[in-house]
N, C-alpha and C. Protein backbone atom coordinates (compact mmCIF):
# COMPACT_ATOMS: atom_id res chain seq x y z
N MET A 1 67.22 -62.03 -128.05
CA MET A 1 65.82 -62.40 -128.18
C MET A 1 65.20 -61.63 -129.33
N LYS A 2 64.44 -62.34 -130.15
CA LYS A 2 63.73 -61.70 -131.25
C LYS A 2 62.25 -62.06 -131.16
N LEU A 3 61.43 -61.10 -131.45
CA LEU A 3 60.00 -61.36 -131.54
C LEU A 3 59.77 -62.14 -132.83
N SER A 4 58.96 -63.16 -132.79
CA SER A 4 58.73 -63.98 -133.98
C SER A 4 57.79 -63.27 -134.95
N THR A 5 57.67 -63.85 -136.13
CA THR A 5 56.73 -63.30 -137.12
C THR A 5 55.31 -63.37 -136.59
N ARG A 6 55.02 -64.35 -135.74
CA ARG A 6 53.67 -64.44 -135.16
C ARG A 6 53.32 -63.15 -134.42
N GLY A 7 54.24 -62.66 -133.62
CA GLY A 7 54.01 -61.43 -132.87
C GLY A 7 53.94 -60.21 -133.77
N ARG A 8 54.88 -60.12 -134.70
CA ARG A 8 54.92 -58.95 -135.59
C ARG A 8 53.71 -58.92 -136.53
N TYR A 9 53.39 -60.04 -137.13
CA TYR A 9 52.26 -60.08 -138.08
C TYR A 9 50.93 -59.93 -137.36
N SER A 10 50.81 -60.46 -136.15
CA SER A 10 49.57 -60.29 -135.39
C SER A 10 49.36 -58.82 -135.05
N THR A 11 50.43 -58.13 -134.78
CA THR A 11 50.34 -56.69 -134.49
C THR A 11 49.84 -55.96 -135.73
N ARG A 12 50.38 -56.30 -136.89
CA ARG A 12 49.92 -55.67 -138.14
C ARG A 12 48.46 -56.01 -138.43
N LEU A 13 48.06 -57.23 -138.16
CA LEU A 13 46.67 -57.66 -138.33
C LEU A 13 45.76 -56.82 -137.44
N MET A 14 46.14 -56.67 -136.18
CA MET A 14 45.32 -55.90 -135.24
C MET A 14 45.26 -54.43 -135.63
N MET A 15 46.34 -53.89 -136.13
CA MET A 15 46.34 -52.49 -136.55
C MET A 15 45.43 -52.30 -137.77
N GLU A 16 45.42 -53.28 -138.67
CA GLU A 16 44.54 -53.20 -139.84
C GLU A 16 43.08 -53.25 -139.40
N LEU A 17 42.76 -54.10 -138.44
CA LEU A 17 41.39 -54.15 -137.92
C LEU A 17 41.06 -52.85 -137.20
N ALA A 18 42.01 -52.27 -136.51
CA ALA A 18 41.79 -50.99 -135.82
C ALA A 18 41.52 -49.88 -136.83
N LEU A 19 42.22 -49.93 -137.94
CA LEU A 19 42.03 -48.92 -138.99
C LEU A 19 40.58 -48.91 -139.49
N HIS A 20 39.96 -50.06 -139.49
CA HIS A 20 38.59 -50.19 -139.99
C HIS A 20 37.56 -50.37 -138.87
N PHE A 21 37.98 -50.06 -137.63
CA PHE A 21 37.08 -50.24 -136.50
C PHE A 21 35.82 -49.40 -136.69
N GLY A 22 34.67 -50.04 -136.45
CA GLY A 22 33.39 -49.35 -136.57
C GLY A 22 32.82 -49.36 -137.98
N GLU A 23 33.57 -49.88 -138.94
CA GLU A 23 33.10 -49.93 -140.33
C GLU A 23 32.50 -51.28 -140.70
N GLY A 24 32.53 -52.22 -139.77
CA GLY A 24 32.03 -53.56 -140.03
C GLY A 24 33.18 -54.54 -140.19
N PRO A 25 32.83 -55.81 -140.39
CA PRO A 25 33.85 -56.85 -140.49
C PRO A 25 34.78 -56.66 -141.70
N VAL A 26 36.02 -57.10 -141.52
CA VAL A 26 37.03 -57.01 -142.57
C VAL A 26 37.40 -58.43 -142.99
N LEU A 27 37.48 -58.66 -144.28
CA LEU A 27 37.84 -59.98 -144.80
C LEU A 27 39.33 -60.23 -144.64
N LEU A 28 39.68 -61.47 -144.33
CA LEU A 28 41.10 -61.83 -144.20
C LEU A 28 41.84 -61.63 -145.51
N LYS A 29 41.17 -61.90 -146.63
CA LYS A 29 41.85 -61.74 -147.92
C LYS A 29 42.23 -60.28 -148.16
N ASP A 30 41.43 -59.34 -147.65
CA ASP A 30 41.77 -57.92 -147.79
C ASP A 30 42.95 -57.56 -146.90
N ILE A 31 42.98 -58.10 -145.69
CA ILE A 31 44.11 -57.86 -144.79
C ILE A 31 45.37 -58.46 -145.41
N SER A 32 45.24 -59.65 -145.96
CA SER A 32 46.37 -60.33 -146.59
C SER A 32 46.97 -59.48 -147.70
N ARG A 33 46.11 -58.92 -148.52
CA ARG A 33 46.57 -58.10 -149.65
C ARG A 33 47.24 -56.82 -149.17
N VAL A 34 46.61 -56.11 -148.27
CA VAL A 34 47.12 -54.82 -147.80
C VAL A 34 48.40 -54.98 -146.98
N GLN A 35 48.44 -55.98 -146.13
CA GLN A 35 49.58 -56.17 -145.22
C GLN A 35 50.65 -57.09 -145.80
N ASP A 36 50.38 -57.67 -146.96
CA ASP A 36 51.33 -58.57 -147.61
C ASP A 36 51.73 -59.73 -146.69
N ILE A 37 50.70 -60.36 -146.13
CA ILE A 37 50.86 -61.54 -145.27
C ILE A 37 50.01 -62.63 -145.89
N SER A 38 50.55 -63.84 -145.99
CA SER A 38 49.80 -64.91 -146.64
C SER A 38 48.48 -65.17 -145.92
N LEU A 39 47.47 -65.48 -146.71
CA LEU A 39 46.14 -65.75 -146.17
C LEU A 39 46.19 -66.95 -145.23
N LYS A 40 46.96 -67.95 -145.59
CA LYS A 40 47.08 -69.15 -144.76
C LYS A 40 47.67 -68.79 -143.39
N TYR A 41 48.69 -67.96 -143.38
CA TYR A 41 49.32 -67.57 -142.12
C TYR A 41 48.37 -66.73 -141.27
N LEU A 42 47.65 -65.82 -141.90
CA LEU A 42 46.66 -65.02 -141.16
C LEU A 42 45.62 -65.93 -140.51
N GLY A 43 45.22 -66.98 -141.23
CA GLY A 43 44.25 -67.93 -140.69
C GLY A 43 44.76 -68.59 -139.42
N GLN A 44 46.06 -68.81 -139.33
CA GLN A 44 46.66 -69.40 -138.13
C GLN A 44 46.72 -68.38 -136.98
N LEU A 45 46.95 -67.12 -137.32
CA LEU A 45 47.07 -66.08 -136.29
C LEU A 45 45.72 -65.72 -135.68
N ILE A 46 44.67 -65.84 -136.46
CA ILE A 46 43.33 -65.49 -136.00
C ILE A 46 42.92 -66.33 -134.79
N ILE A 47 43.28 -67.59 -134.80
CA ILE A 47 42.81 -68.52 -133.77
C ILE A 47 43.20 -68.07 -132.35
N PRO A 48 44.48 -67.86 -132.06
CA PRO A 48 44.80 -67.44 -130.67
C PRO A 48 44.26 -66.05 -130.33
N LEU A 49 44.11 -65.19 -131.33
CA LEU A 49 43.55 -63.86 -131.07
C LEU A 49 42.07 -63.94 -130.71
N LYS A 50 41.36 -64.87 -131.36
CA LYS A 50 39.95 -65.10 -131.01
C LYS A 50 39.83 -65.73 -129.63
N ILE A 51 40.69 -66.71 -129.36
CA ILE A 51 40.66 -67.38 -128.06
C ILE A 51 40.92 -66.37 -126.93
N ALA A 52 41.83 -65.43 -127.18
CA ALA A 52 42.14 -64.40 -126.18
C ALA A 52 41.05 -63.35 -126.06
N GLY A 53 40.06 -63.40 -126.94
CA GLY A 53 38.96 -62.45 -126.88
C GLY A 53 39.28 -61.08 -127.45
N LEU A 54 40.31 -61.02 -128.29
CA LEU A 54 40.72 -59.74 -128.88
C LEU A 54 39.97 -59.43 -130.17
N ILE A 55 39.56 -60.45 -130.88
CA ILE A 55 38.80 -60.25 -132.11
C ILE A 55 37.58 -61.17 -132.12
N LYS A 56 36.63 -60.79 -132.93
CA LYS A 56 35.42 -61.57 -133.14
C LYS A 56 35.22 -61.73 -134.64
N SER A 57 34.33 -62.63 -135.00
CA SER A 57 34.06 -62.84 -136.42
C SER A 57 32.57 -63.00 -136.65
N THR A 58 32.18 -62.74 -137.88
CA THR A 58 30.82 -63.01 -138.31
C THR A 58 30.90 -63.78 -139.62
N ARG A 59 29.92 -64.62 -139.84
CA ARG A 59 29.87 -65.42 -141.06
C ARG A 59 28.89 -64.82 -142.04
N GLY A 60 28.92 -65.34 -143.24
CA GLY A 60 27.96 -64.92 -144.24
C GLY A 60 28.56 -63.97 -145.26
N SER A 61 27.69 -63.46 -146.11
CA SER A 61 28.15 -62.61 -147.22
C SER A 61 28.76 -61.30 -146.73
N HIS A 62 28.39 -60.86 -145.56
CA HIS A 62 28.97 -59.64 -144.99
C HIS A 62 29.84 -59.98 -143.78
N GLY A 63 30.42 -61.16 -143.80
CA GLY A 63 31.21 -61.64 -142.68
C GLY A 63 32.65 -61.14 -142.72
N GLY A 64 33.36 -61.48 -141.70
CA GLY A 64 34.76 -61.10 -141.59
C GLY A 64 35.15 -60.98 -140.13
N TYR A 65 36.20 -60.24 -139.88
CA TYR A 65 36.76 -60.10 -138.53
C TYR A 65 36.74 -58.64 -138.10
N PHE A 66 36.61 -58.46 -136.78
CA PHE A 66 36.63 -57.12 -136.21
C PHE A 66 37.14 -57.20 -134.77
N LEU A 67 37.62 -56.07 -134.26
CA LEU A 67 38.11 -56.02 -132.89
C LEU A 67 36.96 -56.19 -131.91
N SER A 68 37.20 -56.88 -130.83
CA SER A 68 36.16 -57.09 -129.83
C SER A 68 35.98 -55.89 -128.91
N ARG A 69 36.99 -55.03 -128.87
CA ARG A 69 36.94 -53.81 -128.07
C ARG A 69 37.49 -52.66 -128.90
N THR A 70 37.31 -51.46 -128.41
CA THR A 70 37.87 -50.32 -129.12
C THR A 70 39.39 -50.42 -129.10
N PRO A 71 40.06 -49.92 -130.15
CA PRO A 71 41.52 -50.02 -130.23
C PRO A 71 42.25 -49.40 -129.06
N ASP A 72 41.65 -48.41 -128.42
CA ASP A 72 42.31 -47.79 -127.26
C ASP A 72 42.19 -48.62 -125.98
N LYS A 73 41.47 -49.73 -126.06
CA LYS A 73 41.32 -50.63 -124.90
C LYS A 73 42.09 -51.94 -125.08
N ILE A 74 42.84 -52.05 -126.17
CA ILE A 74 43.62 -53.26 -126.42
C ILE A 74 45.10 -52.91 -126.34
N LYS A 75 45.78 -53.52 -125.39
CA LYS A 75 47.21 -53.29 -125.18
C LYS A 75 48.02 -54.20 -126.10
N LEU A 76 49.16 -53.71 -126.54
CA LEU A 76 50.05 -54.52 -127.37
C LEU A 76 50.46 -55.79 -126.62
N SER A 77 50.63 -55.71 -125.33
CA SER A 77 51.00 -56.89 -124.54
C SER A 77 49.97 -58.01 -124.67
N GLU A 78 48.69 -57.66 -124.78
CA GLU A 78 47.65 -58.67 -124.94
C GLU A 78 47.81 -59.42 -126.25
N VAL A 79 48.14 -58.69 -127.30
CA VAL A 79 48.32 -59.29 -128.63
C VAL A 79 49.52 -60.24 -128.61
N ILE A 80 50.63 -59.75 -128.11
CA ILE A 80 51.86 -60.55 -128.08
C ILE A 80 51.68 -61.78 -127.20
N ASN A 81 51.10 -61.62 -126.03
CA ASN A 81 50.88 -62.77 -125.15
C ASN A 81 49.93 -63.79 -125.76
N ALA A 82 48.95 -63.34 -126.53
CA ALA A 82 48.00 -64.26 -127.16
C ALA A 82 48.69 -65.17 -128.17
N VAL A 83 49.61 -64.63 -128.93
CA VAL A 83 50.22 -65.43 -130.01
C VAL A 83 51.59 -66.00 -129.65
N GLU A 84 52.27 -65.38 -128.70
CA GLU A 84 53.62 -65.83 -128.33
C GLU A 84 53.64 -66.53 -126.98
N GLY A 85 52.65 -66.24 -126.14
CA GLY A 85 52.71 -66.69 -124.75
C GLY A 85 53.46 -65.65 -123.95
N PRO A 86 53.55 -65.83 -122.66
CA PRO A 86 54.28 -64.87 -121.82
C PRO A 86 55.75 -64.80 -122.24
N ILE A 87 56.29 -63.60 -122.25
CA ILE A 87 57.67 -63.41 -122.67
C ILE A 87 58.54 -63.12 -121.46
N ALA A 88 59.61 -63.88 -121.34
CA ALA A 88 60.62 -63.66 -120.30
C ALA A 88 61.98 -63.84 -120.94
N PHE A 89 62.97 -63.13 -120.46
CA PHE A 89 64.30 -63.19 -121.03
C PHE A 89 65.03 -64.47 -120.68
N SER A 90 64.54 -65.19 -119.69
CA SER A 90 65.12 -66.47 -119.30
C SER A 90 64.04 -67.30 -118.63
N GLU A 91 64.12 -68.60 -118.78
CA GLU A 91 63.13 -69.48 -118.16
C GLU A 91 63.07 -69.31 -116.65
N CYS A 92 64.22 -68.99 -116.04
CA CYS A 92 64.27 -68.89 -114.58
C CYS A 92 63.50 -67.68 -114.05
N VAL A 93 63.16 -66.73 -114.93
CA VAL A 93 62.38 -65.57 -114.47
C VAL A 93 60.98 -66.00 -114.06
N ASP A 94 60.34 -66.82 -114.89
CA ASP A 94 58.99 -67.29 -114.57
C ASP A 94 58.99 -68.52 -113.68
N SER A 95 60.06 -69.29 -113.74
CA SER A 95 60.14 -70.54 -112.97
C SER A 95 61.48 -70.63 -112.24
N PRO A 96 61.64 -69.90 -111.15
CA PRO A 96 62.93 -69.90 -110.46
C PRO A 96 63.34 -71.27 -109.93
N ASP A 97 62.37 -72.15 -109.71
CA ASP A 97 62.68 -73.47 -109.18
C ASP A 97 63.42 -74.37 -110.16
N ILE A 98 63.49 -73.98 -111.44
CA ILE A 98 64.18 -74.84 -112.40
C ILE A 98 65.70 -74.76 -112.24
N CYS A 99 66.17 -73.76 -111.50
CA CYS A 99 67.62 -73.61 -111.33
C CYS A 99 67.95 -73.44 -109.85
N TYR A 100 68.84 -74.26 -109.37
CA TYR A 100 69.21 -74.19 -107.96
C TYR A 100 69.95 -72.89 -107.61
N ARG A 101 70.41 -72.15 -108.62
CA ARG A 101 71.17 -70.92 -108.38
C ARG A 101 70.28 -69.67 -108.38
N SER A 102 69.02 -69.81 -108.61
CA SER A 102 68.12 -68.66 -108.76
C SER A 102 68.21 -67.64 -107.64
N LYS A 103 68.30 -68.10 -106.41
CA LYS A 103 68.30 -67.17 -105.27
C LYS A 103 69.60 -66.39 -105.14
N THR A 104 70.68 -66.88 -105.72
CA THR A 104 71.97 -66.22 -105.58
C THR A 104 72.54 -65.73 -106.91
N CYS A 105 71.75 -65.78 -107.96
CA CYS A 105 72.24 -65.46 -109.30
C CYS A 105 72.00 -63.98 -109.65
N ALA A 106 73.06 -63.23 -109.82
CA ALA A 106 72.95 -61.82 -110.18
C ALA A 106 72.40 -61.65 -111.60
N ALA A 107 72.73 -62.58 -112.49
CA ALA A 107 72.23 -62.50 -113.86
C ALA A 107 70.71 -62.62 -113.89
N ARG A 108 70.17 -63.50 -113.05
CA ARG A 108 68.71 -63.65 -113.01
C ARG A 108 68.04 -62.35 -112.63
N ASP A 109 68.65 -61.59 -111.74
CA ASP A 109 68.09 -60.29 -111.36
C ASP A 109 68.00 -59.36 -112.57
N VAL A 110 69.01 -59.40 -113.42
CA VAL A 110 69.02 -58.58 -114.64
C VAL A 110 67.94 -59.06 -115.59
N TRP A 111 67.84 -60.39 -115.79
CA TRP A 111 66.82 -60.93 -116.71
C TRP A 111 65.42 -60.59 -116.20
N GLU A 112 65.25 -60.64 -114.89
CA GLU A 112 63.95 -60.32 -114.30
C GLU A 112 63.58 -58.86 -114.53
N GLU A 113 64.53 -57.96 -114.32
CA GLU A 113 64.27 -56.53 -114.53
C GLU A 113 64.04 -56.23 -116.02
N ALA A 114 64.82 -56.85 -116.89
CA ALA A 114 64.65 -56.65 -118.33
C ALA A 114 63.27 -57.13 -118.77
N THR A 115 62.85 -58.26 -118.26
CA THR A 115 61.52 -58.80 -118.57
C THR A 115 60.44 -57.86 -118.08
N ARG A 116 60.60 -57.36 -116.86
CA ARG A 116 59.61 -56.43 -116.28
C ARG A 116 59.50 -55.16 -117.14
N GLN A 117 60.62 -54.60 -117.54
CA GLN A 117 60.61 -53.37 -118.35
C GLN A 117 60.02 -53.62 -119.74
N PHE A 118 60.38 -54.74 -120.34
CA PHE A 118 59.85 -55.10 -121.66
C PHE A 118 58.33 -55.22 -121.60
N ASN A 119 57.84 -55.96 -120.61
CA ASN A 119 56.39 -56.14 -120.46
C ASN A 119 55.69 -54.84 -120.10
N LYS A 120 56.36 -53.99 -119.34
CA LYS A 120 55.80 -52.68 -119.01
C LYS A 120 55.64 -51.83 -120.28
N THR A 121 56.63 -51.89 -121.15
CA THR A 121 56.56 -51.14 -122.41
C THR A 121 55.41 -51.63 -123.27
N LEU A 122 55.31 -52.96 -123.45
CA LEU A 122 54.24 -53.51 -124.27
C LEU A 122 52.87 -53.25 -123.66
N GLY A 123 52.80 -53.26 -122.34
CA GLY A 123 51.53 -53.01 -121.66
C GLY A 123 51.15 -51.54 -121.61
N GLY A 124 52.09 -50.69 -121.97
CA GLY A 124 51.85 -49.25 -121.90
C GLY A 124 51.44 -48.62 -123.21
N ILE A 125 51.29 -49.44 -124.24
CA ILE A 125 50.88 -48.88 -125.53
C ILE A 125 49.68 -49.65 -126.06
N THR A 126 48.73 -48.91 -126.60
CA THR A 126 47.52 -49.52 -127.14
C THR A 126 47.64 -49.65 -128.66
N ILE A 127 46.75 -50.43 -129.21
CA ILE A 127 46.69 -50.57 -130.67
C ILE A 127 46.33 -49.23 -131.29
N ALA A 128 45.49 -48.45 -130.62
CA ALA A 128 45.12 -47.12 -131.13
C ALA A 128 46.34 -46.22 -131.21
N GLU A 129 47.20 -46.25 -130.20
CA GLU A 129 48.42 -45.43 -130.21
C GLU A 129 49.36 -45.88 -131.32
N MET A 130 49.47 -47.18 -131.51
CA MET A 130 50.33 -47.68 -132.58
C MET A 130 49.80 -47.24 -133.95
N LEU A 131 48.49 -47.31 -134.11
CA LEU A 131 47.88 -46.89 -135.38
C LEU A 131 48.12 -45.41 -135.61
N SER A 132 48.00 -44.61 -134.58
CA SER A 132 48.26 -43.18 -134.69
C SER A 132 49.71 -42.92 -135.09
N ASN A 133 50.63 -43.65 -134.48
CA ASN A 133 52.04 -43.51 -134.84
C ASN A 133 52.29 -43.93 -136.29
N GLN A 134 51.59 -44.99 -136.72
CA GLN A 134 51.75 -45.45 -138.11
C GLN A 134 51.25 -44.40 -139.09
N LYS A 135 50.11 -43.80 -138.78
CA LYS A 135 49.55 -42.77 -139.65
C LYS A 135 50.49 -41.58 -139.74
N ALA A 136 51.12 -41.20 -138.62
CA ALA A 136 52.06 -40.08 -138.61
C ALA A 136 53.30 -40.40 -139.47
N LYS A 137 53.76 -41.65 -139.44
CA LYS A 137 54.92 -42.04 -140.23
C LYS A 137 54.59 -42.12 -141.73
N SER A 138 53.33 -42.41 -142.03
CA SER A 138 52.92 -42.56 -143.44
C SER A 138 52.67 -41.22 -144.12
N GLY A 139 52.60 -40.17 -143.31
CA GLY A 139 52.42 -38.85 -143.89
C GLY A 139 51.06 -38.43 -143.90
């Protein structure tokens, strides 16, 4: 399983907004330049993030995008779920009825535990913590 560019780029977008939290709205073109993500692609990522209530926007000459909550109140799992949907290692984890073997399948137990641990990890880190880790790596 690989996280798609939607998940990875949305995380970078959210971290960029967190970096400028409290400074006012940030233009997508500035995020595009700094994060080296196409403006068109960022425009697609903004939509599910807004729908999920993670970011807000303002229009006008001083318009742009900003986080709807403080970075320490936004979990990475919220970002990933907004753009990727719920993540499970197998379809049978979320929908056991799709397979007649679900109740007796040892592999399903492993996929279920792996999914639980993965989601626990993503739910245990905030955008603020990720930004702090990024700053430490950047020197």
